[in-house]
Amino acid sequence: MLSHLRRLAQADRGATSIEYTLIASLIAIAAIAAMRTVGTSLNAVLSNVANSLG
């Protein structure tokens, strides 16, 4: 009985690591999307500044 409980505890660790991996990947996707949006906006602003100066 005790060995069965130990196996269940170990199986839970695998599920937890998968959940953490999914959370980390979602955070990475959100960060990439945010950086692309900011990069596009920044490019537009710097282009306006360059056109005003030149």
C-alpha atoms as a PDB file:
ATOM      1  CA  MET A   1       0.000   0.000   0.000  1.00  0.00           C
ATOM      2  CA  LEU A   2       2.799   2.406   0.864  1.00  0.00           C
ATOM      3  CA  SER A   3       4.596   1.765  -2.418  1.00  0.00           C
ATOM      4  CA  HIS A   4       1.379   2.508  -4.300  1.00  0.00           C
ATOM      5  CA  LEU A   5       1.106   5.889  -2.574  1.00  0.00           C
ATOM      6  CA  ARG A   6       4.732   6.667  -3.413  1.00  0.00           C
ATOM      7  CA  ARG A   7       4.080   5.945  -7.095  1.00  0.00           C
ATOM      8  CA  LEU A   8       1.082   8.281  -7.055  1.00  0.00           C
ATOM      9  CA  ALA A   9       3.207  11.045  -5.542  1.00  0.00           C
ATOM     10  CA  GLN A  10       5.843  10.617  -8.231  1.00  0.00           C
ATOM     11  CA  ALA A  11       3.235  10.693 -10.998  1.00  0.00           C
ATOM     12  CA  ASP A  12       1.978  14.010  -9.624  1.00  0.00           C
ATOM     13  CA  ARG A  13       5.438  15.544  -9.971  1.00  0.00           C
ATOM     14  CA  GLY A  14       5.436  14.785 -13.691  1.00  0.00           C
ATOM     15  CA  ALA A  15       2.086  16.478 -14.140  1.00  0.00           C
ATOM     16  CA  THR A  16       3.277  19.500 -12.203  1.00  0.00           C
ATOM     17  CA  SER A  17       6.350  19.914 -14.365  1.00  0.00           C
ATOM     18  CA  ILE A  18       4.196  19.747 -17.486  1.00  0.00           C
ATOM     19  CA  GLU A  19       1.926  22.432 -16.069  1.00  0.00           C
ATOM     20  CA  TYR A  20       4.893  24.680 -15.297  1.00  0.00           C
ATOM     21  CA  THR A  21       6.204  24.148 -18.821  1.00  0.00           C
ATOM     22  CA  LEU A  22       2.850  25.145 -20.298  1.00  0.00           C
ATOM     23  CA  ILE A  23       2.680  28.257 -18.135  1.00  0.00           C
ATOM     24  CA  ALA A  24       6.226  29.255 -19.097  1.00  0.00           C
ATOM     25  CA  SER A  25       5.482  28.780 -22.786  1.00  0.00           C
ATOM     26  CA  LEU A  26       2.329  30.910 -22.551  1.00  0.00           C
ATOM     27  CA  ILE A  27       4.292  33.664 -20.812  1.00  0.00           C
ATOM     28  CA  ALA A  28       6.941  33.484 -23.545  1.00  0.00           C
ATOM     29  CA  ILE A  29       4.314  33.758 -26.282  1.00  0.00           C
ATOM     30  CA  ALA A  30       2.715  36.754 -24.567  1.00  0.00           C
ATOM     31  CA  ALA A  31       6.111  38.443 -24.150  1.00  0.00           C
ATOM     32  CA  ILE A  32       6.986  37.928 -27.814  1.00  0.00           C
ATOM     33  CA  ALA A  33       3.639  39.354 -28.914  1.00  0.00           C
ATOM     34  CA  ALA A  34       4.100  42.384 -26.658  1.00  0.00           C
ATOM     35  CA  MET A  35       7.627  42.989 -27.921  1.00  0.00           C
ATOM     36  CA  ARG A  36       6.494  42.824 -31.546  1.00  0.00           C
ATOM     37  CA  THR A  37       3.748  45.373 -30.863  1.00  0.00           C
ATOM     38  CA  VAL A  38       6.106  47.727 -29.064  1.00  0.00           C
ATOM     39  CA  GLY A  39       8.731  47.276 -31.785  1.00  0.00           C
ATOM     40  CA  THR A  40       6.265  48.197 -34.518  1.00  0.00           C
ATOM     41  CA  SER A  41       5.094  51.272 -32.624  1.00  0.00           C
ATOM     42  CA  LEU A  42       8.646  52.330 -31.850  1.00  0.00           C
ATOM     43  CA  ASN A  43       9.632  51.917 -35.487  1.00  0.00           C
ATOM     44  CA  ALA A  44       6.784  54.215 -36.538  1.00  0.00           C
ATOM     45  CA  VAL A  45       7.756  56.865 -33.996  1.00  0.00           C
ATOM     46  CA  LEU A  46      11.431  56.789 -34.973  1.00  0.00           C
ATOM     47  CA  SER A  47      10.516  57.004 -38.654  1.00  0.00           C
ATOM     48  CA  ASN A  48       8.453  60.124 -37.936  1.00  0.00           C
ATOM     49  CA  VAL A  49      11.376  61.651 -36.046  1.00  0.00           C
ATOM     50  CA  ALA A  50      13.782  60.844 -38.884  1.00  0.00           C
ATOM     51  CA  ASN A  51      11.420  62.365 -41.461  1.00  0.00           C
ATOM     52  CA  SER A  52      11.035  65.510 -39.351  1.00  0.00           C
ATOM     53  CA  LEU A  53      14.791  65.922 -39.007  1.00  0.00           C
ATOM     54  CA  GLY A  54      15.738  65.085 -42.556  1.00  0.00           C
END
